[in-house]
PDB file of N, CA and C in Angstrom:
ATOM      1  N   MET A   1      66.085 102.824 140.696  1.00  0.00           N
ATOM      2  CA  MET A   1      67.517 102.868 140.432  1.00  0.00           C
ATOM      3  C   MET A   1      67.914 101.968 139.266  1.00  0.00           C
ATOM      4  N   PRO A   2      67.403 100.724 139.160  1.00  0.00           N
ATOM      5  CA  PRO A   2      67.790  99.879 138.030  1.00  0.00           C
ATOM      6  C   PRO A   2      67.396 100.501 136.695  1.00  0.00           C
ATOM      7  N   TYR A   3      66.308 101.290 136.680  1.00  0.00           N
ATOM      8  CA  TYR A   3      65.887 101.921 135.435  1.00  0.00           C
ATOM      9  C   TYR A   3      66.918 102.933 134.951  1.00  0.00           C
ATOM     10  N   LYS A   4      67.515 103.647 135.886  1.00  0.00           N
ATOM     11  CA  LYS A   4      68.550 104.624 135.516  1.00  0.00           C
ATOM     12  C   LYS A   4      69.753 103.922 134.902  1.00  0.00           C
ATOM     13  N   THR A   5      70.129 102.797 135.471  1.00  0.00           N
ATOM     14  CA  THR A   5      71.266 102.034 134.949  1.00  0.00           C
ATOM     15  C   THR A   5      70.990 101.562 133.530  1.00  0.00           C
ATOM     16  N   VAL A   6      69.794 101.041 133.300  1.00  0.00           N
ATOM     17  CA  VAL A   6      69.420 100.571 131.962  1.00  0.00           C
ATOM     18  C   VAL A   6      69.396 101.741 130.987  1.00  0.00           C
ATOM     19  N   LEU A   7      68.869 102.873 131.407  1.00  0.00           N
ATOM     20  CA  LEU A   7      68.811 104.055 130.556  1.00  0.00           C
ATOM     21  C   LEU A   7      70.214 104.541 130.199  1.00  0.00           C
ATOM     22  N   ILE A   8      71.084 104.602 131.167  1.00  0.00           N
ATOM     23  CA  ILE A   8      72.463 105.041 130.922  1.00  0.00           C
ATOM     24  C   ILE A   8      73.170 104.081 129.978  1.00  0.00           C
ATOM     25  N   LEU A   9      73.010 102.782 130.184  1.00  0.00           N
ATOM     26  CA  LEU A   9      73.629 101.796 129.291  1.00  0.00           C
ATOM     27  C   LEU A   9      73.082 101.919 127.873  1.00  0.00           C
ATOM     28  N   ALA A  10      71.786 102.143 127.742  1.00  0.00           N
ATOM     29  CA  ALA A  10      71.178 102.304 126.416  1.00  0.00           C
ATOM     30  C   ALA A  10      71.743 103.535 125.709  1.00  0.00           C
ATOM     31  N   LEU A  11      71.926 104.616 126.443  1.00  0.00           N
ATOM     32  CA  LEU A  11      72.496 105.834 125.853  1.00  0.00           C
ATOM     33  C   LEU A  11      73.945 105.629 125.428  1.00  0.00           C
ATOM     34  N   ILE A  12      74.712 104.943 126.252  1.00  0.00           N
ATOM     35  CA  ILE A  12      76.119 104.677 125.921  1.00  0.00           C
ATOM     36  C   ILE A  12      76.214 103.851 124.647  1.00  0.00           C
ATOM     37  N   ILE A  13      75.361 102.860 124.513  1.00  0.00           N
ATOM     38  CA  ILE A  13      75.377 102.008 123.324  1.00  0.00           C
ATOM     39  C   ILE A  13      74.908 102.784 122.094  1.00  0.00           C
ATOM     40  N   ALA A  14      73.913 103.650 122.265  1.00  0.00           N
ATOM     41  CA  ALA A  14      73.313 104.364 121.138  1.00  0.00           C
ATOM     42  C   ALA A  14      74.183 105.496 120.603  1.00  0.00           C
ATOM     43  N   ILE A  15      75.029 106.069 121.428  1.00  0.00           N
ATOM     44  CA  ILE A  15      75.840 107.216 121.012  1.00  0.00           C
ATOM     45  C   ILE A  15      77.205 106.726 120.551  1.00  0.00           C
ATOM     46  N   PRO A  16      77.507 106.860 119.250  1.00  0.00           N
ATOM     47  CA  PRO A  16      78.831 106.435 118.774  1.00  0.00           C
ATOM     48  C   PRO A  16      79.915 107.390 119.267  1.00  0.00           C
ATOM     49  N   ALA A  17      81.095 106.864 119.486  1.00  0.00           N
ATOM     50  CA  ALA A  17      82.205 107.685 119.963  1.00  0.00           C
ATOM     51  C   ALA A  17      82.641 108.688 118.898  1.00  0.00           C
ATOM     52  N   GLN A  18      82.584 108.298 117.648  1.00  0.00           N
ATOM     53  CA  GLN A  18      83.011 109.152 116.534  1.00  0.00           C
ATOM     54  C   GLN A  18      82.109 108.847 115.346  1.00  0.00           C
ATOM     55  N   PRO A  19      81.545 109.865 114.736  1.00  0.00           N
ATOM     56  CA  PRO A  19      80.696 109.604 113.568  1.00  0.00           C
ATOM     57  C   PRO A  19      81.491 108.889 112.471  1.00  0.00           C
ATOM     58  N   THR A  20      80.955 107.787 111.972  1.00  0.00           N
ATOM     59  CA  THR A  20      81.694 107.003 110.978  1.00  0.00           C
ATOM     60  C   THR A  20      81.852 107.750 109.662  1.00  0.00           C
ATOM     61  N   GLY A  21      80.919 108.618 109.326  1.00  0.00           N
ATOM     62  CA  GLY A  21      81.030 109.393 108.088  1.00  0.00           C
ATOM     63  C   GLY A  21      82.268 110.274 108.086  1.00  0.00           C
ATOM     64  N   ARG A  22      82.531 110.925 109.194  1.00  0.00           N
ATOM     65  CA  ARG A  22      83.711 111.795 109.299  1.00  0.00           C
ATOM     66  C   ARG A  22      84.993 110.970 109.210  1.00  0.00           C
ATOM     67  N   LEU A  23      85.007 109.831 109.875  1.00  0.00           N
ATOM     68  CA  LEU A  23      86.179 108.961 109.842  1.00  0.00           C
ATOM     69  C   LEU A  23      86.452 108.480 108.416  1.00  0.00           C
ATOM     70  N   GLU A  24      85.399 108.113 107.705  1.00  0.00           N
ATOM     71  CA  GLU A  24      85.560 107.659 106.322  1.00  0.00           C
ATOM     72  C   GLU A  24      86.060 108.797 105.430  1.00  0.00           C
ATOM     73  N   THR A  25      85.552 109.999 105.632  1.00  0.00           N
ATOM     74  CA  THR A  25      85.987 111.155 104.848  1.00  0.00           C
ATOM     75  C   THR A  25      87.475 111.422 105.059  1.00  0.00           C
ATOM     76  N   ILE A  26      87.916 111.386 106.307  1.00  0.00           N
ATOM     77  CA  ILE A  26      89.326 111.627 106.620  1.00  0.00           C
ATOM     78  C   ILE A  26      90.201 110.525 106.026  1.00  0.00           C
ATOM     79  N   THR A  27      89.766 109.274 106.145  1.00  0.00           N
ATOM     80  CA  THR A  27      90.538 108.154 105.596  1.00  0.00           C
ATOM     81  C   THR A  27      90.665 108.267 104.084  1.00  0.00           C
ATOM     82  N   ARG A  28      89.565 108.583 103.414  1.00  0.00           N
ATOM     83  CA  ARG A  28      89.612 108.744 101.952  1.00  0.00           C
ATOM     84  C   ARG A  28      90.537 109.894 101.553  1.00  0.00           C
ATOM     85  N   LYS A  29      90.490 110.970 102.310  1.00  0.00           N
ATOM     86  CA  LYS A  29      91.337 112.131 102.017  1.00  0.00           C
ATOM     87  C   LYS A  29      92.816 111.759 102.160  1.00  0.00           C
ATOM     88  N   LEU A  30      93.178 111.105 103.273  1.00  0.00           N
ATOM     89  CA  LEU A  30      94.578 110.751 103.515  1.00  0.00           C
ATOM     90  C   LEU A  30      95.113 109.727 102.520  1.00  0.00           C
ATOM     91  N   THR A  31      94.238 108.905 101.962  1.00  0.00           N
ATOM     92  CA  THR A  31      94.683 107.898 100.996  1.00  0.00           C
ATOM     93  C   THR A  31      94.526 108.368  99.553  1.00  0.00           C
ATOM     94  N   SER A  32      94.168 109.616  99.364  1.00  0.00           N
ATOM     95  CA  SER A  32      93.991 110.149  98.011  1.00  0.00           C
ATOM     96  C   SER A  32      95.350 110.467  97.377  1.00  0.00           C
ATOM     97  N   PRO A  33      95.395 110.579  96.049  1.00  0.00           N
ATOM     98  CA  PRO A  33      96.643 110.920  95.350  1.00  0.00           C
ATOM     99  C   PRO A  33      97.227 112.276  95.778  1.00  0.00           C
ATOM    100  N   GLU A  34      96.392 113.126  96.345  1.00  0.00           N
ATOM    101  CA  GLU A  34      96.842 114.450  96.801  1.00  0.00           C
ATOM    102  C   GLU A  34      98.011 114.356  97.789  1.00  0.00           C
ATOM    103  N   PHE A  35      98.087 113.244  98.539  1.00  0.00           N
ATOM    104  CA  PHE A  35      99.131 113.084  99.549  1.00  0.00           C
ATOM    105  C   PHE A  35     100.310 112.251  99.057  1.00  0.00           C
ATOM    106  N   ASP A  36     100.367 111.962  97.791  1.00  0.00           N
ATOM    107  CA  ASP A  36     101.523 111.311  97.146  1.00  0.00           C
ATOM    108  C   ASP A  36     102.010 110.045  97.857  1.00  0.00           C
ATOM    109  N   GLY A  37     101.113 109.284  98.426  1.00  0.00           N
ATOM    110  CA  GLY A  37     101.507 108.028  99.062  1.00  0.00           C
ATOM    111  C   GLY A  37     102.078 108.162 100.468  1.00  0.00           C
ATOM    112  N   ARG A  38     102.320 109.370 100.943  1.00  0.00           N
ATOM    113  CA  ARG A  38     102.825 109.627 102.296  1.00  0.00           C
ATOM    114  C   ARG A  38     104.122 108.892 102.591  1.00  0.00           C
ATOM    115  N   ALA A  39     104.979 108.774 101.622  1.00  0.00           N
ATOM    116  CA  ALA A  39     106.247 108.062 101.805  1.00  0.00           C
ATOM    117  C   ALA A  39     107.161 108.804 102.779  1.00  0.00           C
ATOM    118  N   PHE A  40     108.143 108.073 103.296  1.00  0.00           N
ATOM    119  CA  PHE A  40     109.112 108.630 104.238  1.00  0.00           C
ATOM    120  C   PHE A  40     109.796 109.857 103.637  1.00  0.00           C
ATOM    121  N   LYS A  41     109.815 110.935 104.385  1.00  0.00           N
ATOM    122  CA  LYS A  41     110.441 112.204 103.990  1.00  0.00           C
ATOM    123  C   LYS A  41     109.928 112.723 102.651  1.00  0.00           C
ATOM    124  N   SER A  42     108.650 112.535 102.396  1.00  0.00           N
ATOM    125  CA  SER A  42     108.072 113.033 101.154  1.00  0.00           C
ATOM    126  C   SER A  42     107.198 114.246 101.441  1.00  0.00           C
ATOM    127  N   GLU A  43     106.893 114.973 100.397  1.00  0.00           N
ATOM    128  CA  GLU A  43     105.994 116.117 100.521  1.00  0.00           C
ATOM    129  C   GLU A  43     104.609 115.642 100.982  1.00  0.00           C
ATOM    130  N   GLY A  44     104.213 114.455 100.510  1.00  0.00           N
ATOM    131  CA  GLY A  44     102.913 113.899 100.903  1.00  0.00           C
ATOM    132  C   GLY A  44     102.828 113.603 102.393  1.00  0.00           C
ATOM    133  N   GLY A  45     103.925 113.138 102.979  1.00  0.00           N
ATOM    134  CA  GLY A  45     103.952 112.869 104.413  1.00  0.00           C
ATOM    135  C   GLY A  45     103.768 114.141 105.225  1.00  0.00           C
ATOM    136  N   LEU A  46     104.403 115.223 104.781  1.00  0.00           N
ATOM    137  CA  LEU A  46     104.258 116.514 105.458  1.00  0.00           C
ATOM    138  C   LEU A  46     102.831 117.036 105.312  1.00  0.00           C
ATOM    139  N   LYS A  47     102.267 116.901 104.118  1.00  0.00           N
ATOM    140  CA  LYS A  47     100.879 117.327 103.898  1.00  0.00           C
ATOM    141  C   LYS A  47      99.927 116.554 104.808  1.00  0.00           C
ATOM    142  N   ALA A  48     100.161 115.254 104.941  1.00  0.00           N
ATOM    143  CA  ALA A  48      99.305 114.421 105.794  1.00  0.00           C
ATOM    144  C   ALA A  48      99.402 114.865 107.255  1.00  0.00           C
ATOM    145  N   ALA A  49     100.608 115.141 107.723  1.00  0.00           N
ATOM    146  CA  ALA A  49     100.796 115.593 109.109  1.00  0.00           C
ATOM    147  C   ALA A  49     100.073 116.917 109.350  1.00  0.00           C
ATOM    148  N   GLN A  50     100.172 117.826 108.398  1.00  0.00           N
ATOM    149  CA  GLN A  50      99.501 119.121 108.536  1.00  0.00           C
ATOM    150  C   GLN A  50      97.980 118.965 108.499  1.00  0.00           C
ATOM    151  N   PHE A  51      97.505 118.066 107.648  1.00  0.00           N
ATOM    152  CA  PHE A  51      96.069 117.795 107.564  1.00  0.00           C
ATOM    153  C   PHE A  51      95.547 117.248 108.895  1.00  0.00           C
ATOM    154  N   ILE A  52      96.274 116.316 109.480  1.00  0.00           N
ATOM    155  CA  ILE A  52      95.866 115.727 110.760  1.00  0.00           C
ATOM    156  C   ILE A  52      95.906 116.780 111.868  1.00  0.00           C
ATOM    157  N   ALA A  53      96.945 117.610 111.888  1.00  0.00           N
ATOM    158  CA  ALA A  53      97.043 118.675 112.891  1.00  0.00           C
ATOM    159  C   ALA A  53      95.864 119.636 112.770  1.00  0.00           C
ATOM    160  N   GLU A  54      95.487 119.965 111.551  1.00  0.00           N
ATOM    161  CA  GLU A  54      94.346 120.860 111.329  1.00  0.00           C
ATOM    162  C   GLU A  54      93.051 120.229 111.847  1.00  0.00           C
ATOM    163  N   ASN A  55      92.906 118.929 111.659  1.00  0.00           N
ATOM    164  CA  ASN A  55      91.727 118.229 112.176  1.00  0.00           C
ATOM    165  C   ASN A  55      91.721 118.209 113.697  1.00  0.00           C
ATOM    166  N   PHE A  56      92.890 118.065 114.313  1.00  0.00           N
ATOM    167  CA  PHE A  56      92.980 118.132 115.775  1.00  0.00           C
ATOM    168  C   PHE A  56      92.449 119.477 116.269  1.00  0.00           C
ATOM    169  N   LYS A  57      92.843 120.562 115.588  1.00  0.00           N
ATOM    170  CA  LYS A  57      92.373 121.902 115.966  1.00  0.00           C
ATOM    171  C   LYS A  57      90.858 121.997 115.824  1.00  0.00           C
ATOM    172  N   GLN A  58      90.336 121.487 114.703  1.00  0.00           N
ATOM    173  CA  GLN A  58      88.900 121.583 114.426  1.00  0.00           C
ATOM    174  C   GLN A  58      88.051 120.866 115.466  1.00  0.00           C
ATOM    175  N   ILE A  59      88.525 119.738 115.969  1.00  0.00           N
ATOM    176  CA  ILE A  59      87.713 119.005 116.949  1.00  0.00           C
ATOM    177  C   ILE A  59      87.981 119.455 118.385  1.00  0.00           C
ATOM    178  N   GLY A  60      88.892 120.424 118.535  1.00  0.00           N
ATOM    179  CA  GLY A  60      89.104 121.017 119.849  1.00  0.00           C
ATOM    180  C   GLY A  60      90.154 120.365 120.722  1.00  0.00           C
ATOM    181  N   LEU A  61      91.000 119.500 120.155  1.00  0.00           N
ATOM    182  CA  LEU A  61      92.083 118.921 120.957  1.00  0.00           C
ATOM    183  C   LEU A  61      93.087 120.010 121.312  1.00  0.00           C
ATOM    184  N   LYS A  62      93.493 120.038 122.533  1.00  0.00           N
ATOM    185  CA  LYS A  62      94.457 121.040 122.989  1.00  0.00           C
ATOM    186  C   LYS A  62      95.872 120.486 122.853  1.00  0.00           C
ATOM    187  N   PRO A  63      96.780 121.245 122.224  1.00  0.00           N
ATOM    188  CA  PRO A  63      98.169 120.777 122.108  1.00  0.00           C
ATOM    189  C   PRO A  63      98.885 120.863 123.449  1.00  0.00           C
ATOM    190  N   VAL A  64      99.907 120.048 123.608  1.00  0.00           N
ATOM    191  CA  VAL A  64     100.679 120.034 124.850  1.00  0.00           C
ATOM    192  C   VAL A  64     101.563 121.269 124.949  1.00  0.00           C
ATOM    193  N   ARG A  65     102.063 121.721 123.821  1.00  0.00           N
ATOM    194  CA  ARG A  65     102.932 122.908 123.832  1.00  0.00           C
ATOM    195  C   ARG A  65     102.316 123.993 122.962  1.00  0.00           C
ATOM    196  N   SER A  66     102.876 125.193 123.012  1.00  0.00           N
ATOM    197  CA  SER A  66     102.327 126.306 122.238  1.00  0.00           C
ATOM    198  C   SER A  66     103.175 126.562 120.995  1.00  0.00           C
ATOM    199  N   GLY A  67     102.653 127.377 120.113  1.00  0.00           N
ATOM    200  CA  GLY A  67     103.367 127.718 118.887  1.00  0.00           C
ATOM    201  C   GLY A  67     102.582 127.320 117.655  1.00  0.00           C
ATOM    202  N   ASN A  68     103.082 127.747 116.498  1.00  0.00           N
ATOM    203  CA  ASN A  68     102.387 127.469 115.241  1.00  0.00           C
ATOM    204  C   ASN A  68     102.339 125.984 114.906  1.00  0.00           C
ATOM    205  N   ASP A  69     103.368 125.255 115.293  1.00  0.00           N
ATOM    206  CA  ASP A  69     103.420 123.818 114.991  1.00  0.00           C
ATOM    207  C   ASP A  69     103.217 122.978 116.256  1.00  0.00           C
ATOM    208  N   ALA A  70     102.336 123.444 117.142  1.00  0.00           N
ATOM    209  CA  ALA A  70     102.143 122.800 118.441  1.00  0.00           C
ATOM    210  C   ALA A  70     101.679 121.351 118.335  1.00  0.00           C
ATOM    211  N   TYR A  71     100.974 121.018 117.272  1.00  0.00           N
ATOM    212  CA  TYR A  71     100.494 119.645 117.110  1.00  0.00           C
ATOM    213  C   TYR A  71     101.533 118.743 116.448  1.00  0.00           C
ATOM    214  N   LEU A  72     102.578 119.326 115.905  1.00  0.00           N
ATOM    215  CA  LEU A  72     103.600 118.558 115.199  1.00  0.00           C
ATOM    216  C   LEU A  72     104.807 118.354 116.101  1.00  0.00           C
ATOM    217  N   GLN A  73     105.481 117.248 115.918  1.00  0.00           N
ATOM    218  CA  GLN A  73     106.639 116.930 116.743  1.00  0.00           C
ATOM    219  C   GLN A  73     107.698 116.271 115.870  1.00  0.00           C
ATOM    220  N   LYS A  74     108.906 116.764 115.955  1.00  0.00           N
ATOM    221  CA  LYS A  74     110.003 116.155 115.207  1.00  0.00           C
ATOM    222  C   LYS A  74     110.530 114.961 115.989  1.00  0.00           C
ATOM    223  N   SER A  75     110.834 113.910 115.269  1.00  0.00           N
ATOM    224  CA  SER A  75     111.414 112.737 115.915  1.00  0.00           C
ATOM    225  C   SER A  75     112.389 112.078 114.950  1.00  0.00           C
ATOM    226  N   PRO A  76     113.511 111.601 115.481  1.00  0.00           N
ATOM    227  CA  PRO A  76     114.487 110.954 114.601  1.00  0.00           C
ATOM    228  C   PRO A  76     113.947 109.611 114.111  1.00  0.00           C
ATOM    229  N   VAL A  77     114.117 109.371 112.826  1.00  0.00           N
ATOM    230  CA  VAL A  77     113.656 108.123 112.228  1.00  0.00           C
ATOM    231  C   VAL A  77     114.761 107.585 111.339  1.00  0.00           C
ATOM    232  N   GLU A  78     115.050 106.322 111.516  1.00  0.00           N
ATOM    233  CA  GLU A  78     116.042 105.681 110.664  1.00  0.00           C
ATOM    234  C   GLU A  78     115.289 104.838 109.649  1.00  0.00           C
ATOM    235  N   ALA A  79     115.635 105.021 108.397  1.00  0.00           N
ATOM    236  CA  ALA A  79     114.958 104.247 107.348  1.00  0.00           C
ATOM    237  C   ALA A  79     115.996 103.608 106.450  1.00  0.00           C
ATOM    238  N   ARG A  80     115.674 102.422 106.026  1.00  0.00           N
ATOM    239  CA  ARG A  80     116.560 101.718 105.100  1.00  0.00           C
ATOM    240  C   ARG A  80     115.750 101.349 103.876  1.00  0.00           C
ATOM    241  N   THR A  81     116.339 101.581 102.749  1.00  0.00           N
ATOM    242  CA  THR A  81     115.671 101.211 101.506  1.00  0.00           C
ATOM    243  C   THR A  81     116.592 100.326 100.693  1.00  0.00           C
ATOM    244  N   SER A  82     116.014  99.532  99.872  1.00  0.00           N
ATOM    245  CA  SER A  82     116.788  98.637  99.023  1.00  0.00           C
ATOM    246  C   SER A  82     117.140  99.342  97.723  1.00  0.00           C
ATOM    247  N   LEU A  83     118.384  99.220  97.313  1.00  0.00           N
ATOM    248  CA  LEU A  83     118.813  99.795  96.044  1.00  0.00           C
ATOM    249  C   LEU A  83     118.618  98.797  94.904  1.00  0.00           C
ATOM    250  N   LEU A  84     118.268  97.584  95.272  1.00  0.00           N
ATOM    251  CA  LEU A  84     118.070  96.547  94.263  1.00  0.00           C
ATOM    252  C   LEU A  84     116.702  96.695  93.618  1.00  0.00           C
ATOM    253  N   ARG A  85     116.660  96.444  92.353  1.00  0.00           N
ATOM    254  CA  ARG A  85     115.378  96.468  91.647  1.00  0.00           C
ATOM    255  C   ARG A  85     115.059  95.044  91.227  1.00  0.00           C
ATOM    256  N   SER A  86     113.864  94.635  91.485  1.00  0.00           N
ATOM    257  CA  SER A  86     113.488  93.272  91.108  1.00  0.00           C
ATOM    258  C   SER A  86     112.754  93.292  89.775  1.00  0.00           C
ATOM    259  N   LYS A  87     112.846  92.191  89.096  1.00  0.00           N
ATOM    260  CA  LYS A  87     112.186  92.060  87.804  1.00  0.00           C
ATOM    261  C   LYS A  87     111.464  90.720  87.795  1.00  0.00           C
ATOM    262  N   VAL A  88     110.206  90.759  87.448  1.00  0.00           N
ATOM    263  CA  VAL A  88     109.409  89.540  87.397  1.00  0.00           C
ATOM    264  C   VAL A  88     109.231  89.152  85.937  1.00  0.00           C
ATOM    265  N   VAL A  89     109.572  87.918  85.631  1.00  0.00           N
ATOM    266  CA  VAL A  89     109.432  87.416  84.267  1.00  0.00           C
ATOM    267  C   VAL A  89     108.426  86.275  84.290  1.00  0.00           C
ATOM    268  N   THR A  90     107.449  86.366  83.435  1.00  0.00           N
ATOM    269  CA  THR A  90     106.473  85.278  83.327  1.00  0.00           C
ATOM    270  C   THR A  90     106.547  84.684  81.933  1.00  0.00           C
ATOM    271  N   ARG A  91     106.317  83.411  81.862  1.00  0.00           N
ATOM    272  CA  ARG A  91     106.333  82.728  80.563  1.00  0.00           C
ATOM    273  C   ARG A  91     104.986  82.063  80.351  1.00  0.00           C
ATOM    274  N   ALA A  92     104.459  82.267  79.173  1.00  0.00           N
ATOM    275  CA  ALA A  92     103.148  81.686  78.853  1.00  0.00           C
ATOM    276  C   ALA A  92     103.301  80.294  78.282  1.00  0.00           C
TER     277      ALA A  92
END
């Protein structure tokens, strides 16, 4: 019996939960210029959401609801931005 426990623990340690190569590929993709910085209410933010939803489908995650946008969810967001522009002056 102790051998089974050691074997199971060894397998758990040896098997990564998520391949790091795939995670790095997704991270590089989301941070690429293609997504325009993913700013609030930007085209890049929508592209990023669609990209993530597509990845959810590919790995087999089941959405909670049905429909074409089943992985996407609208939520109210309040954002505040500064209208002030700062200027940095350096003197040599």
